[in-house]
């Protein structure tokens, strides 16, 4: 996603599907009772700028490899920033070949929702290409969406309790559902849980409010220097419960073992049986060896999932095997998607 990729109470504003994405050079989820803490900054239009390093030659280690998806029911896809997908329908995965199996874009960014700026990352072109491949050619999984999550520390009503953290998660889920593009057909709505270090492009809080509590959502100034894993977990539980109660979407989490452990520890708050997963470790800058299932061919590099789950579990759905977590490859984010496990 953002590299890592990567919100207040619901505010008014048009759905994300009407926005043209704000993009920078790539590195790596109704109404509720409370009123909006501050108006959203939606409505601005920015230019999509593909990374300058994209092109026929690619980056070092990014040469094309043998085309094709493998094993059966696995698909190659991309996420976030625009990618130079090839073909005219059916479309093909850029650089590595095979069918274009899906696109995952940002439903919304908590910082943008709270009026703190916050880059939005959605490629209408890639979404259209993925949709055409699914609906017209029966290739891939179509279009999915993720919400750039806020931890409890940037909740305007933060009080250090699990109860408030759950409420904060519910408000984010409501906004994510409202902002999710109508193009998104994939049944899982992803919670993007990261410690991005990308302030201020994506967030004014370098930890997205998972580790520290801030004086306000947009201030970037710490007032409390510790949040317990159980309070952090409350946000995840609140988001998931609201999503399942108010939509047909299934809750899933995008993260990686190091980031997940740093936020939720290794105890019971870190265990998430039943939630779907999309991981970005182990990832690589090289595009020479493409994935087969959850490992790169001819290498010992394999996907590492988190929260007590593994690649053999039915909830393991996606692997961002290159471009994620700030790993540059000259093109963007490449994903391996298990179509057979798609709920």
Foldseek 3Di string as FASTA:
>chain_A
DQLQYFAFFFADDAAQQPAAFDDDEGQAAPDDDDYGPDHFPPDDHDDQDFHPLDDDVFDVQQAEEDAAAADPQKAKEAEFHDFPWDDDPQIFDPRHTHTHAEYEFELEARCRRNHQAAGGTDDPVRQVNNQRCCPVVVHHQGYAYEYRDAFLQQHQPRDQDLVVLLVLLQRRNNSSVNRGDPSHPFQAYEYEQFQRCDPPHHALASRSRLAFHAPHRNPNHGDGGGHALSSRLSSVVSNQVNDVVPHSHHYAYEEEAVGLCVRNNDDDSLADPPHAYEYAPPAALHPHFPDHQFATPPDPGGDATTRPDGSPDLRHFKYQRHRHNSHHNSGHTMMMGRSVSRD
